[in-house]
Each structure stands twice: as C-alpha cells, then as structure tokens.
Amino acid sequence: MIESGVRAASDDLLAAIATALDCPIDLLCAEAPIRGGEAQDLHFRRRTTLPITERKRLEAKLHLSYLTVKGLLRGIDYEPSLPLPVLDVDEIGSPAEAAQYVRRLWRIPTGPIRNLTEYLEAAGVFLMPCNAPNKVDAVTRRCDEGWHVTAYNSAMPVDRSRLTRSHELGHLVLHYQTFGENTEDEANQFAAEFLTPAEEIYPQLEGLTTRDLARLHDLRMHWRVGLPFLVRRAGDLGCISERQQRSFYQLLNSRGLMYRTADDALPAETPSMLQRIIGVHQRDHDYSLDDLAQAALMTPARFESDFLTTPVEHTSFRQGLRLVQS
C-alpha cells in the first residue's frame, strides 16, 4: 500500500527503511518517477529474455544512477563538448550510415577508436558501473536534461564493454521516438560500423580461414573488439561463408573463447566525468564528504566507496564544467 502511494509512511517507518537499505531518507522521498523498461527512452541490452524481477531491479539501479548524476550536477553549469545527434534510420539510409555520420561529426580518425569512453562522456553520456546478471550488459536512459545515463555490467571484459557502449549509443542516436522489433538489430548494426568501419576492416577480414586464428587475435587487439564479433563481422560483410562462420564458432568454442575472452593487453576504459564533477564541488564549493553524499542521495560510506576510490584519468576533451555563482 505504501509503495503504490495509497498510504503514507510514518517518519519512524521511513527511518527504519532507510537504515535497512543503507540510504538516506531523502532518497525514499524523491519524487522523480522511475522509467519503465518498455519506455521509448529506456533501452536494455540483454542476451536472453529477462525475468520481470531482474528488469525491475535494473530499472531501479538506473534510476538511482540518474538521481546521483542529477544531484551532483546541481550548482554546476554542465555542457557536453560533443553533440549527440538524433537521426532517423529511414532518412539517413541505414544504421551503418548513421554510425559513419557520427564518426564524421565527432571527427574520429580512421582506424580503431582508442578510447570510446572519452567520446561518450564528451557527448554527455554518463557511464555508471553496476552489479547485474550475466545475461544483462547495460540499460540506458535518455534524460530530458540533455545528458544521458548508461548503467553497465561492471563484470564485462573490455571488448564486450566497448561493444555494449557502442550499442547503447546506437539507441540514443536512432531510437529517440521509435521503438520496434528492429531496434536491437539496428543498434547492433550501428555498433559494428561505429567500432569497425566496413571500408577499413573488409580488406583485413577478406580471405580469413580457421587457420588464421593468430591473425584474428591481432585484429582483435588492433580494433579492441571480441573474437566472436570479428567472426560475425566477417560473415556480415561477406568475407567468409556461413559454413566458415560456423567452423570459426566451433573453433572458438573448443578453445574456450566463444563466450568469455581474456582481456590480454586491452586497456580498461574507466569513466571519469563524474569524478571530475566531484572535484569541482570539492575545489570550488568546498564540499565535504557529507555534502557530496547528500547531493547524490547516498550515505557517506556508500558514496566514498563508489566514487572516491578511483583516481581521475586524463581526457583529451575539454569539458564544459563551470561553477554556478549563487
């Protein structure tokens, strides 16, 4: 009855719930509505059908991430340094052409994207790690404020994480007002072209055989994507036949490389935008740990554990973070 809003909770009950959940009472009283998983501005990347209980749990985690970002942005004039376009698939031609457009718009050099996370954060996408079932990679919310939130499975290897982030970018670019049975396939096509432009990777995949596993490993390290992805890309581009594709999958499966690949020397891409925002609050607002936790609607201990243990990495983008004078 309380969750449905029929009956209000007493102050004592709110305090007891907050203690049990390790959260401040202000979070329980936050009025921002949770977006449902079928909403057009909320997109899941999942590998199988997701039970309703897990979906609700992930929706809640994404909502908490949204409230955290929103709270920490108060008092800061934030402006993404890269535009995030909204494109119509029918008008631009295809998801692949949309990916090519975004690469040109963001002036991404030819070849592999060395740090995808930098580009996404520069475009106003806040990447928030979370614990999630293995079958779920990420969920993204397009926000009315002009920035967006992607909660991603922190257990993913680097190559899978890059593919997932590109997939979620495809949703943000292509599916602002449309959501149908082809949206997941369109986001996959966008991600494939965004990470590995066909014009560049086709000559490298042409003539590939199962005897070229070492070559496939080299391409994986160069493009920073997974081995199964490269096999699928070769099949989609017509570089290998369906029979060869099945043979490749059998080979990868026999080597334990089909569903779980070692990261080898792939560098991790750690989000840093929220840490830089926190730094502005500490430097210019003189925020204490308690102040930061209050803004993020978290307990001080949870906030310190989640956000104050990771060093801020250097980024090549100039971010629009300015103090709002009161």
C-alpha atoms as a PDB file:
ATOM      1  CA  MET A   1       0.000   0.000   0.000  1.00  0.00           C
ATOM      2  CA  ILE A   2       2.851   2.385   0.802  1.00  0.00           C
ATOM      3  CA  GLU A   3       4.744   1.635  -2.447  1.00  0.00           C
ATOM      4  CA  SER A   4       1.607   2.276  -4.506  1.00  0.00           C
ATOM      5  CA  GLY A   5       1.054   5.618  -2.786  1.00  0.00           C
ATOM      6  CA  VAL A   6      -2.242   4.640  -1.179  1.00  0.00           C
ATOM      7  CA  ARG A   7      -0.929   5.160   2.352  1.00  0.00           C
ATOM      8  CA  ALA A   8       1.901   7.435   3.540  1.00  0.00           C
ATOM      9  CA  ALA A   9       4.758   6.055   5.599  1.00  0.00           C
ATOM     10  CA  SER A  10       5.361   7.468   9.054  1.00  0.00           C
ATOM     11  CA  ASP A  11       8.646   9.181   9.908  1.00  0.00           C
ATOM     12  CA  ASP A  12       9.666   6.248  12.085  1.00  0.00           C
ATOM     13  CA  LEU A  13       8.956   3.763   9.306  1.00  0.00           C
ATOM     14  CA  LEU A  14      10.893   5.849   6.765  1.00  0.00           C
ATOM     15  CA  ALA A  15      13.853   5.947   9.133  1.00  0.00           C
ATOM     16  CA  ALA A  16      13.690   2.177   9.623  1.00  0.00           C
ATOM     17  CA  ILE A  17      13.511   1.526   5.865  1.00  0.00           C
ATOM     18  CA  ALA A  18      16.411   3.914   5.210  1.00  0.00           C
ATOM     19  CA  THR A  19      18.535   2.114   7.795  1.00  0.00           C
ATOM     20  CA  ALA A  20      17.695  -1.295   6.332  1.00  0.00           C
ATOM     21  CA  LEU A  21      18.505  -0.157   2.776  1.00  0.00           C
ATOM     22  CA  ASP A  22      21.575   1.867   3.755  1.00  0.00           C
ATOM     23  CA  CYS A  23      20.251   5.003   2.103  1.00  0.00           C
ATOM     24  CA  PRO A  24      19.214   8.496   3.253  1.00  0.00           C
ATOM     25  CA  ILE A  25      15.557   9.268   3.907  1.00  0.00           C
ATOM     26  CA  ASP A  26      15.700  11.926   1.163  1.00  0.00           C
ATOM     27  CA  LEU A  27      16.130   9.175  -1.409  1.00  0.00           C
ATOM     28  CA  LEU A  28      12.941   7.456  -0.266  1.00  0.00           C
ATOM     29  CA  CYS A  29      11.074  10.740  -0.646  1.00  0.00           C
ATOM     30  CA  ALA A  30      12.469  11.629  -4.096  1.00  0.00           C
ATOM     31  CA  GLU A  31       9.581  12.390  -6.458  1.00  0.00           C
ATOM     32  CA  ALA A  32      11.327  11.690  -9.786  1.00  0.00           C
ATOM     33  CA  PRO A  33       9.389   8.862 -11.484  1.00  0.00           C
ATOM     34  CA  ILE A  34      11.104   5.597 -12.383  1.00  0.00           C
ATOM     35  CA  ARG A  35      11.000   4.939 -16.125  1.00  0.00           C
ATOM     36  CA  GLY A  36       9.706   1.517 -17.142  1.00  0.00           C
ATOM     37  CA  GLY A  37      11.717  -0.834 -19.345  1.00  0.00           C
ATOM     38  CA  GLU A  38       9.315  -0.550 -22.275  1.00  0.00           C
ATOM     39  CA  ALA A  39       9.517   3.245 -22.361  1.00  0.00           C
ATOM     40  CA  GLN A  40      10.935   4.662 -25.571  1.00  0.00           C
ATOM     41  CA  ASP A  41      13.735   6.453 -23.741  1.00  0.00           C
ATOM     42  CA  LEU A  42      14.885   3.350 -21.831  1.00  0.00           C
ATOM     43  CA  HIS A  43      16.823   0.644 -23.636  1.00  0.00           C
ATOM     44  CA  PHE A  44      18.116  -2.714 -22.383  1.00  0.00           C
ATOM     45  CA  ARG A  45      20.954  -4.670 -23.970  1.00  0.00           C
ATOM     46  CA  ARG A  46      20.297  -8.234 -22.891  1.00  0.00           C
ATOM     47  CA  ARG A  47      21.246 -11.599 -24.338  1.00  0.00           C
ATOM     48  CA  THR A  48      18.129 -13.539 -23.329  1.00  0.00           C
ATOM     49  CA  THR A  49      14.660 -12.834 -22.013  1.00  0.00           C
ATOM     50  CA  LEU A  50      14.964 -11.030 -18.691  1.00  0.00           C
ATOM     51  CA  PRO A  51      12.730 -12.055 -15.747  1.00  0.00           C
ATOM     52  CA  ILE A  52      10.472  -9.254 -14.580  1.00  0.00           C
ATOM     53  CA  THR A  53      12.102  -9.143 -11.136  1.00  0.00           C
ATOM     54  CA  GLU A  54      15.550  -8.617 -12.666  1.00  0.00           C
ATOM     55  CA  ARG A  55      14.180  -5.972 -15.018  1.00  0.00           C
ATOM     56  CA  LYS A  56      12.663  -4.059 -12.126  1.00  0.00           C
ATOM     57  CA  ARG A  57      15.929  -4.311 -10.198  1.00  0.00           C
ATOM     58  CA  LEU A  58      17.886  -2.885 -13.129  1.00  0.00           C
ATOM     59  CA  GLU A  59      15.343  -0.132 -13.702  1.00  0.00           C
ATOM     60  CA  ALA A  60      15.802   0.821 -10.046  1.00  0.00           C
ATOM     61  CA  LYS A  61      19.611   0.829 -10.358  1.00  0.00           C
ATOM     62  CA  LEU A  62      19.401   3.029 -13.436  1.00  0.00           C
ATOM     63  CA  HIS A  63      17.024   5.346 -11.615  1.00  0.00           C
ATOM     64  CA  LEU A  64      19.444   5.625  -8.687  1.00  0.00           C
ATOM     65  CA  SER A  65      22.251   6.435 -11.119  1.00  0.00           C
ATOM     66  CA  TYR A  66      20.070   9.122 -12.701  1.00  0.00           C
ATOM     67  CA  LEU A  67      19.318  10.685  -9.310  1.00  0.00           C
ATOM     68  CA  THR A  68      23.027  10.613  -8.396  1.00  0.00           C
ATOM     69  CA  VAL A  69      24.092  12.380 -11.576  1.00  0.00           C
ATOM     70  CA  LYS A  70      21.258  14.890 -11.335  1.00  0.00           C
ATOM     71  CA  GLY A  71      22.097  15.715  -7.738  1.00  0.00           C
ATOM     72  CA  LEU A  72      25.825  16.123  -8.362  1.00  0.00           C
ATOM     73  CA  LEU A  73      25.178  18.418 -11.328  1.00  0.00           C
ATOM     74  CA  ARG A  74      23.342  20.923  -9.145  1.00  0.00           C
ATOM     75  CA  GLY A  75      25.472  24.027  -8.800  1.00  0.00           C
ATOM     76  CA  ILE A  76      27.463  23.232 -11.935  1.00  0.00           C
ATOM     77  CA  ASP A  77      26.860  24.603 -15.417  1.00  0.00           C
ATOM     78  CA  TYR A  78      27.472  21.434 -17.415  1.00  0.00           C
ATOM     79  CA  GLU A  79      27.677  21.383 -21.191  1.00  0.00           C
ATOM     80  CA  PRO A  80      28.807  18.380 -23.287  1.00  0.00           C
ATOM     81  CA  SER A  81      31.654  19.210 -25.651  1.00  0.00           C
ATOM     82  CA  LEU A  82      30.371  16.933 -28.437  1.00  0.00           C
ATOM     83  CA  PRO A  83      26.876  16.972 -29.976  1.00  0.00           C
ATOM     84  CA  LEU A  84      24.717  13.867 -29.739  1.00  0.00           C
ATOM     85  CA  PRO A  85      22.532  13.799 -32.849  1.00  0.00           C
ATOM     86  CA  VAL A  86      19.106  12.232 -33.170  1.00  0.00           C
ATOM     87  CA  LEU A  87      18.817  10.520 -36.555  1.00  0.00           C
ATOM     88  CA  ASP A  88      16.014   8.791 -38.440  1.00  0.00           C
ATOM     89  CA  VAL A  89      17.125   5.475 -39.941  1.00  0.00           C
ATOM     90  CA  ASP A  90      14.870   5.847 -42.973  1.00  0.00           C
ATOM     91  CA  GLU A  91      16.090   9.358 -43.710  1.00  0.00           C
ATOM     92  CA  ILE A  92      19.801   8.687 -43.315  1.00  0.00           C
ATOM     93  CA  GLY A  93      19.630   5.327 -45.092  1.00  0.00           C
ATOM     94  CA  SER A  94      20.793   2.678 -42.597  1.00  0.00           C
ATOM     95  CA  PRO A  95      22.226   2.220 -39.094  1.00  0.00           C
ATOM     96  CA  ALA A  96      25.687   1.863 -40.662  1.00  0.00           C
ATOM     97  CA  GLU A  97      25.349   5.218 -42.407  1.00  0.00           C
ATOM     98  CA  ALA A  98      24.236   6.739 -39.111  1.00  0.00           C
ATOM     99  CA  ALA A  99      27.405   5.394 -37.462  1.00  0.00           C
ATOM    100  CA  GLN A 100      29.519   6.852 -40.260  1.00  0.00           C
ATOM    101  CA  TYR A 101      27.794  10.203 -39.762  1.00  0.00           C
ATOM    102  CA  VAL A 102      28.531  10.234 -36.029  1.00  0.00           C
ATOM    103  CA  ARG A 103      32.183   9.335 -36.643  1.00  0.00           C
ATOM    104  CA  ARG A 104      32.458  12.275 -39.045  1.00  0.00           C
ATOM    105  CA  LEU A 105      30.556  14.605 -36.697  1.00  0.00           C
ATOM    106  CA  TRP A 106      32.864  13.753 -33.811  1.00  0.00           C
ATOM    107  CA  ARG A 107      35.910  13.899 -36.095  1.00  0.00           C
ATOM    108  CA  ILE A 108      37.025  10.404 -35.145  1.00  0.00           C
ATOM    109  CA  PRO A 109      40.183   9.481 -37.079  1.00  0.00           C
ATOM    110  CA  THR A 110      40.227   6.472 -39.367  1.00  0.00           C
ATOM    111  CA  GLY A 111      41.072   3.200 -37.673  1.00  0.00           C
ATOM    112  CA  PRO A 112      40.055   1.902 -34.245  1.00  0.00           C
ATOM    113  CA  ILE A 113      38.579   4.165 -31.580  1.00  0.00           C
ATOM    114  CA  ARG A 114      41.296   4.184 -28.942  1.00  0.00           C
ATOM    115  CA  ASN A 115      39.119   5.375 -26.064  1.00  0.00           C
ATOM    116  CA  LEU A 116      35.416   5.066 -26.741  1.00  0.00           C
ATOM    117  CA  THR A 117      34.531   6.144 -23.215  1.00  0.00           C
ATOM    118  CA  GLU A 118      36.105   9.573 -23.715  1.00  0.00           C
ATOM    119  CA  TYR A 119      33.897  10.230 -26.731  1.00  0.00           C
ATOM    120  CA  LEU A 120      30.731   9.078 -24.972  1.00  0.00           C
ATOM    121  CA  GLU A 121      31.392  11.205 -21.897  1.00  0.00           C
ATOM    122  CA  ALA A 122      32.221  14.181 -24.106  1.00  0.00           C
ATOM    123  CA  ALA A 123      28.789  13.728 -25.711  1.00  0.00           C
ATOM    124  CA  GLY A 124      27.032  13.817 -22.333  1.00  0.00           C
ATOM    125  CA  VAL A 125      26.642  10.088 -21.643  1.00  0.00           C
ATOM    126  CA  PHE A 126      27.329   9.241 -18.000  1.00  0.00           C
ATOM    127  CA  LEU A 127      28.591   5.658 -17.697  1.00  0.00           C
ATOM    128  CA  MET A 128      27.709   4.112 -14.339  1.00  0.00           C
ATOM    129  CA  PRO A 129      29.018   0.649 -13.360  1.00  0.00           C
ATOM    130  CA  CYS A 130      26.636  -1.679 -11.556  1.00  0.00           C
ATOM    131  CA  ASN A 131      26.268  -5.296 -10.481  1.00  0.00           C
ATOM    132  CA  ALA A 132      23.954  -7.068 -12.919  1.00  0.00           C
ATOM    133  CA  PRO A 133      23.115 -10.618 -14.012  1.00  0.00           C
ATOM    134  CA  ASN A 134      25.451 -12.098 -16.626  1.00  0.00           C
ATOM    135  CA  LYS A 135      22.633 -12.050 -19.174  1.00  0.00           C
ATOM    136  CA  VAL A 136      22.369  -8.237 -18.951  1.00  0.00           C
ATOM    137  CA  ASP A 137      25.022  -5.912 -20.377  1.00  0.00           C
ATOM    138  CA  ALA A 138      23.547  -2.432 -19.968  1.00  0.00           C
ATOM    139  CA  VAL A 139      20.474  -0.252 -19.756  1.00  0.00           C
ATOM    140  CA  THR A 140      20.327   3.347 -20.953  1.00  0.00           C
ATOM    141  CA  ARG A 141      18.057   6.269 -20.157  1.00  0.00           C
ATOM    142  CA  ARG A 142      17.711   9.319 -22.387  1.00  0.00           C
ATOM    143  CA  CYS A 143      17.166  12.208 -19.992  1.00  0.00           C
ATOM    144  CA  ASP A 144      15.229  15.419 -20.520  1.00  0.00           C
ATOM    145  CA  GLU A 145      18.104  17.427 -19.048  1.00  0.00           C
ATOM    146  CA  GLY A 146      20.237  16.988 -22.196  1.00  0.00           C
ATOM    147  CA  TRP A 147      22.601  14.398 -20.716  1.00  0.00           C
ATOM    148  CA  HIS A 148      22.025  10.651 -20.517  1.00  0.00           C
ATOM    149  CA  VAL A 149      22.835   7.712 -18.245  1.00  0.00           C
ATOM    150  CA  THR A 150      24.020   4.203 -19.105  1.00  0.00           C
ATOM    151  CA  ALA A 151      24.258   1.688 -16.275  1.00  0.00           C
ATOM    152  CA  TYR A 152      26.523  -1.127 -17.432  1.00  0.00           C
ATOM    153  CA  ASN A 153      27.520  -4.525 -16.070  1.00  0.00           C
ATOM    154  CA  SER A 154      30.865  -3.939 -14.368  1.00  0.00           C
ATOM    155  CA  ALA A 155      31.850  -7.613 -14.804  1.00  0.00           C
ATOM    156  CA  MET A 156      32.101  -7.402 -18.594  1.00  0.00           C
ATOM    157  CA  PRO A 157      35.523  -7.740 -20.237  1.00  0.00           C
ATOM    158  CA  VAL A 158      36.841  -4.686 -22.078  1.00  0.00           C
ATOM    159  CA  ASP A 159      35.933  -5.828 -25.588  1.00  0.00           C
ATOM    160  CA  ARG A 160      32.366  -6.709 -24.606  1.00  0.00           C
ATOM    161  CA  SER A 161      32.008  -3.421 -22.736  1.00  0.00           C
ATOM    162  CA  ARG A 162      33.106  -1.401 -25.785  1.00  0.00           C
ATOM    163  CA  LEU A 163      30.601  -3.207 -27.990  1.00  0.00           C
ATOM    164  CA  THR A 164      27.851  -2.674 -25.423  1.00  0.00           C
ATOM    165  CA  ARG A 165      28.585   1.045 -25.090  1.00  0.00           C
ATOM    166  CA  SER A 166      28.509   1.446 -28.863  1.00  0.00           C
ATOM    167  CA  HIS A 167      25.217  -0.466 -28.967  1.00  0.00           C
ATOM    168  CA  GLU A 168      23.712   1.864 -26.361  1.00  0.00           C
ATOM    169  CA  LEU A 169      24.992   4.867 -28.335  1.00  0.00           C
ATOM    170  CA  GLY A 170      23.108   3.460 -31.314  1.00  0.00           C
ATOM    171  CA  HIS A 171      19.900   3.511 -29.282  1.00  0.00           C
ATOM    172  CA  LEU A 172      20.459   7.115 -28.220  1.00  0.00           C
ATOM    173  CA  VAL A 173      21.109   8.227 -31.788  1.00  0.00           C
ATOM    174  CA  LEU A 174      18.492   6.155 -33.613  1.00  0.00           C
ATOM    175  CA  HIS A 175      15.622   5.450 -31.238  1.00  0.00           C
ATOM    176  CA  TYR A 176      14.549   8.710 -29.661  1.00  0.00           C
ATOM    177  CA  GLN A 177      10.959   8.474 -30.925  1.00  0.00           C
ATOM    178  CA  THR A 178      10.855   4.983 -32.403  1.00  0.00           C
ATOM    179  CA  PHE A 179      10.989   1.627 -30.651  1.00  0.00           C
ATOM    180  CA  GLY A 180      10.038  -1.532 -32.510  1.00  0.00           C
ATOM    181  CA  GLU A 181      11.035  -5.075 -33.270  1.00  0.00           C
ATOM    182  CA  ASN A 182      14.102  -3.993 -35.280  1.00  0.00           C
ATOM    183  CA  THR A 183      15.629  -1.628 -32.733  1.00  0.00           C
ATOM    184  CA  GLU A 184      18.072  -4.149 -31.258  1.00  0.00           C
ATOM    185  CA  ASP A 185      19.293  -5.241 -34.691  1.00  0.00           C
ATOM    186  CA  GLU A 186      19.656  -1.606 -35.741  1.00  0.00           C
ATOM    187  CA  ALA A 187      21.689  -0.819 -32.625  1.00  0.00           C
ATOM    188  CA  ASN A 188      23.897  -3.857 -33.373  1.00  0.00           C
ATOM    189  CA  GLN A 189      24.481  -2.673 -36.936  1.00  0.00           C
ATOM    190  CA  PHE A 190      25.294   0.813 -35.696  1.00  0.00           C
ATOM    191  CA  ALA A 191      27.788  -0.532 -33.145  1.00  0.00           C
ATOM    192  CA  ALA A 192      29.521  -2.774 -35.680  1.00  0.00           C
ATOM    193  CA  GLU A 193      30.071   0.056 -38.142  1.00  0.00           C
ATOM    194  CA  PHE A 194      30.975   2.565 -35.446  1.00  0.00           C
ATOM    195  CA  LEU A 195      33.711   0.351 -33.993  1.00  0.00           C
ATOM    196  CA  THR A 196      34.882  -1.304 -37.235  1.00  0.00           C
ATOM    197  CA  PRO A 197      34.011   0.695 -40.371  1.00  0.00           C
ATOM    198  CA  ALA A 198      33.348  -1.739 -43.219  1.00  0.00           C
ATOM    199  CA  GLU A 199      35.525   0.158 -45.667  1.00  0.00           C
ATOM    200  CA  GLU A 200      38.529  -0.232 -43.377  1.00  0.00           C
ATOM    201  CA  ILE A 201      38.080  -3.702 -41.926  1.00  0.00           C
ATOM    202  CA  TYR A 202      36.863  -5.550 -45.043  1.00  0.00           C
ATOM    203  CA  PRO A 203      40.350  -5.892 -46.589  1.00  0.00           C
ATOM    204  CA  GLN A 204      41.670  -7.163 -43.244  1.00  0.00           C
ATOM    205  CA  LEU A 205      38.980  -9.857 -42.953  1.00  0.00           C
ATOM    206  CA  GLU A 206      38.908 -10.907 -46.603  1.00  0.00           C
ATOM    207  CA  GLY A 207      40.179 -14.433 -47.183  1.00  0.00           C
ATOM    208  CA  LEU A 208      40.105 -15.325 -43.488  1.00  0.00           C
ATOM    209  CA  THR A 209      40.186 -19.052 -42.656  1.00  0.00           C
ATOM    210  CA  THR A 210      40.202 -21.063 -39.450  1.00  0.00           C
ATOM    211  CA  ARG A 211      43.961 -21.429 -39.888  1.00  0.00           C
ATOM    212  CA  ASP A 212      44.242 -17.675 -39.286  1.00  0.00           C
ATOM    213  CA  LEU A 213      43.363 -17.650 -35.594  1.00  0.00           C
ATOM    214  CA  ALA A 214      46.576 -15.749 -34.778  1.00  0.00           C
ATOM    215  CA  ARG A 215      45.628 -13.146 -37.373  1.00  0.00           C
ATOM    216  CA  LEU A 216      42.188 -12.877 -35.816  1.00  0.00           C
ATOM    217  CA  HIS A 217      43.811 -12.298 -32.404  1.00  0.00           C
ATOM    218  CA  ASP A 218      45.927  -9.498 -33.920  1.00  0.00           C
ATOM    219  CA  LEU A 219      42.835  -7.869 -35.392  1.00  0.00           C
ATOM    220  CA  ARG A 220      41.129  -8.147 -32.021  1.00  0.00           C
ATOM    221  CA  MET A 221      43.947  -6.275 -30.325  1.00  0.00           C
ATOM    222  CA  HIS A 222      44.035  -3.664 -33.085  1.00  0.00           C
ATOM    223  CA  TRP A 223      40.295  -2.934 -33.174  1.00  0.00           C
ATOM    224  CA  ARG A 224      39.708  -3.716 -29.463  1.00  0.00           C
ATOM    225  CA  VAL A 225      36.693  -5.948 -30.072  1.00  0.00           C
ATOM    226  CA  GLY A 226      35.937  -9.605 -29.353  1.00  0.00           C
ATOM    227  CA  LEU A 227      36.849 -12.630 -31.452  1.00  0.00           C
ATOM    228  CA  PRO A 228      33.200 -13.756 -31.942  1.00  0.00           C
ATOM    229  CA  PHE A 229      32.359 -10.206 -33.013  1.00  0.00           C
ATOM    230  CA  LEU A 230      35.070 -10.276 -35.690  1.00  0.00           C
ATOM    231  CA  VAL A 231      33.797 -13.619 -36.992  1.00  0.00           C
ATOM    232  CA  ARG A 232      30.252 -12.236 -37.154  1.00  0.00           C
ATOM    233  CA  ARG A 233      31.534  -9.082 -38.833  1.00  0.00           C
ATOM    234  CA  ALA A 234      33.383 -11.134 -41.440  1.00  0.00           C
ATOM    235  CA  GLY A 235      30.198 -13.086 -42.149  1.00  0.00           C
ATOM    236  CA  ASP A 236      28.009  -9.978 -42.371  1.00  0.00           C
ATOM    237  CA  LEU A 237      30.444  -8.343 -44.815  1.00  0.00           C
ATOM    238  CA  GLY A 238      30.643 -11.450 -46.979  1.00  0.00           C
ATOM    239  CA  CYS A 239      34.302 -12.124 -46.216  1.00  0.00           C
ATOM    240  CA  ILE A 240      33.531 -15.680 -45.118  1.00  0.00           C
ATOM    241  CA  SER A 241      30.701 -18.092 -45.901  1.00  0.00           C
ATOM    242  CA  GLU A 242      28.069 -19.284 -43.432  1.00  0.00           C
ATOM    243  CA  ARG A 243      29.853 -22.635 -43.271  1.00  0.00           C
ATOM    244  CA  GLN A 244      33.152 -20.926 -42.454  1.00  0.00           C
ATOM    245  CA  GLN A 245      31.416 -18.835 -39.829  1.00  0.00           C
ATOM    246  CA  ARG A 246      30.077 -21.964 -38.116  1.00  0.00           C
ATOM    247  CA  SER A 247      33.548 -23.529 -38.280  1.00  0.00           C
ATOM    248  CA  PHE A 248      35.042 -20.446 -36.646  1.00  0.00           C
ATOM    249  CA  TYR A 249      32.480 -20.543 -33.849  1.00  0.00           C
ATOM    250  CA  GLN A 250      33.219 -24.237 -33.262  1.00  0.00           C
ATOM    251  CA  LEU A 251      36.937 -23.466 -33.106  1.00  0.00           C
ATOM    252  CA  LEU A 252      36.446 -20.585 -30.650  1.00  0.00           C
ATOM    253  CA  ASN A 253      34.153 -22.714 -28.528  1.00  0.00           C
ATOM    254  CA  SER A 254      36.698 -25.555 -28.399  1.00  0.00           C
ATOM    255  CA  ARG A 255      39.351 -23.091 -27.211  1.00  0.00           C
ATOM    256  CA  GLY A 256      37.065 -21.545 -24.586  1.00  0.00           C
ATOM    257  CA  LEU A 257      36.995 -18.247 -26.493  1.00  0.00           C
ATOM    258  CA  MET A 258      33.374 -18.103 -27.595  1.00  0.00           C
ATOM    259  CA  TYR A 259      31.629 -16.593 -24.603  1.00  0.00           C
ATOM    260  CA  ARG A 260      34.432 -15.426 -22.368  1.00  0.00           C
ATOM    261  CA  THR A 261      37.666 -13.961 -23.685  1.00  0.00           C
ATOM    262  CA  ALA A 262      40.684 -12.846 -21.707  1.00  0.00           C
ATOM    263  CA  ASP A 263      41.358  -9.133 -21.983  1.00  0.00           C
ATOM    264  CA  ASP A 264      45.031  -9.749 -22.758  1.00  0.00           C
ATOM    265  CA  ALA A 265      46.577  -6.310 -23.060  1.00  0.00           C
ATOM    266  CA  LEU A 266      43.401  -4.371 -23.827  1.00  0.00           C
ATOM    267  CA  PRO A 267      43.459  -1.208 -21.704  1.00  0.00           C
ATOM    268  CA  ALA A 268      40.459  -0.607 -19.481  1.00  0.00           C
ATOM    269  CA  GLU A 269      38.293   2.415 -20.223  1.00  0.00           C
ATOM    270  CA  THR A 270      37.256   3.842 -16.880  1.00  0.00           C
ATOM    271  CA  PRO A 271      34.618   6.607 -16.855  1.00  0.00           C
ATOM    272  CA  SER A 272      35.882   9.786 -15.207  1.00  0.00           C
ATOM    273  CA  MET A 273      33.322  12.549 -15.830  1.00  0.00           C
ATOM    274  CA  LEU A 274      31.532  12.120 -12.511  1.00  0.00           C
ATOM    275  CA  GLN A 275      34.860  12.197 -10.662  1.00  0.00           C
ATOM    276  CA  ARG A 276      35.716  15.490 -12.349  1.00  0.00           C
ATOM    277  CA  ILE A 277      32.341  16.902 -11.328  1.00  0.00           C
ATOM    278  CA  ILE A 278      33.006  15.792  -7.774  1.00  0.00           C
ATOM    279  CA  GLY A 279      36.384  17.524  -7.983  1.00  0.00           C
ATOM    280  CA  VAL A 280      34.711  20.814  -8.951  1.00  0.00           C
ATOM    281  CA  HIS A 281      32.442  20.540  -5.911  1.00  0.00           C
ATOM    282  CA  GLN A 282      35.383  19.832  -3.616  1.00  0.00           C
ATOM    283  CA  ARG A 283      37.552  22.587  -5.038  1.00  0.00           C
ATOM    284  CA  ASP A 284      35.047  25.382  -5.735  1.00  0.00           C
ATOM    285  CA  HIS A 285      32.125  24.579  -3.434  1.00  0.00           C
ATOM    286  CA  ASP A 286      34.297  23.262  -0.596  1.00  0.00           C
ATOM    287  CA  TYR A 287      32.006  20.245  -0.344  1.00  0.00           C
ATOM    288  CA  SER A 288      32.707  17.727   2.390  1.00  0.00           C
ATOM    289  CA  LEU A 289      32.026  14.012   2.064  1.00  0.00           C
ATOM    290  CA  ASP A 290      28.689  14.544   3.796  1.00  0.00           C
ATOM    291  CA  ASP A 291      27.775  17.330   1.343  1.00  0.00           C
ATOM    292  CA  LEU A 292      28.625  15.177  -1.661  1.00  0.00           C
ATOM    293  CA  ALA A 293      26.684  12.207  -0.313  1.00  0.00           C
ATOM    294  CA  GLN A 294      23.669  14.393   0.393  1.00  0.00           C
ATOM    295  CA  ALA A 295      23.707  15.765  -3.157  1.00  0.00           C
ATOM    296  CA  ALA A 296      23.969  12.239  -4.588  1.00  0.00           C
ATOM    297  CA  LEU A 297      21.217  10.884  -2.302  1.00  0.00           C
ATOM    298  CA  MET A 298      23.589   8.336  -0.808  1.00  0.00           C
ATOM    299  CA  THR A 299      25.053   7.582   2.593  1.00  0.00           C
ATOM    300  CA  PRO A 300      28.586   8.956   3.111  1.00  0.00           C
ATOM    301  CA  ALA A 301      30.060   5.473   3.410  1.00  0.00           C
ATOM    302  CA  ARG A 302      28.421   4.256   0.189  1.00  0.00           C
ATOM    303  CA  PHE A 303      29.394   7.419  -1.686  1.00  0.00           C
ATOM    304  CA  GLU A 304      33.016   7.177  -0.573  1.00  0.00           C
ATOM    305  CA  SER A 305      33.150   3.525  -1.605  1.00  0.00           C
ATOM    306  CA  ASP A 306      31.607   4.141  -5.027  1.00  0.00           C
ATOM    307  CA  PHE A 307      33.184   7.426  -6.089  1.00  0.00           C
ATOM    308  CA  LEU A 308      36.178   8.450  -4.025  1.00  0.00           C
ATOM    309  CA  THR A 309      38.459   5.452  -4.543  1.00  0.00           C
ATOM    310  CA  THR A 310      39.148   5.850  -8.286  1.00  0.00           C
ATOM    311  CA  PRO A 311      41.782   8.342  -9.485  1.00  0.00           C
ATOM    312  CA  VAL A 312      40.635  10.771 -12.180  1.00  0.00           C
ATOM    313  CA  GLU A 313      42.085   9.905 -15.566  1.00  0.00           C
ATOM    314  CA  HIS A 314      43.299  12.476 -18.065  1.00  0.00           C
ATOM    315  CA  THR A 315      40.985  13.166 -21.007  1.00  0.00           C
ATOM    316  CA  SER A 316      41.785  14.831 -24.304  1.00  0.00           C
ATOM    317  CA  PHE A 317      38.408  16.614 -24.384  1.00  0.00           C
ATOM    318  CA  ARG A 318      37.685  19.988 -22.823  1.00  0.00           C
ATOM    319  CA  GLN A 319      34.511  19.514 -20.816  1.00  0.00           C
ATOM    320  CA  GLY A 320      32.129  22.356 -20.080  1.00  0.00           C
ATOM    321  CA  LEU A 321      32.172  22.270 -16.272  1.00  0.00           C
ATOM    322  CA  ARG A 322      31.615  25.691 -14.777  1.00  0.00           C
ATOM    323  CA  LEU A 323      30.676  26.774 -11.266  1.00  0.00           C
ATOM    324  CA  VAL A 324      27.233  28.337 -10.959  1.00  0.00           C
ATOM    325  CA  GLN A 325      27.526  31.527  -8.940  1.00  0.00           C
ATOM    326  CA  SER A 326      24.775  31.895  -6.363  1.00  0.00           C
END
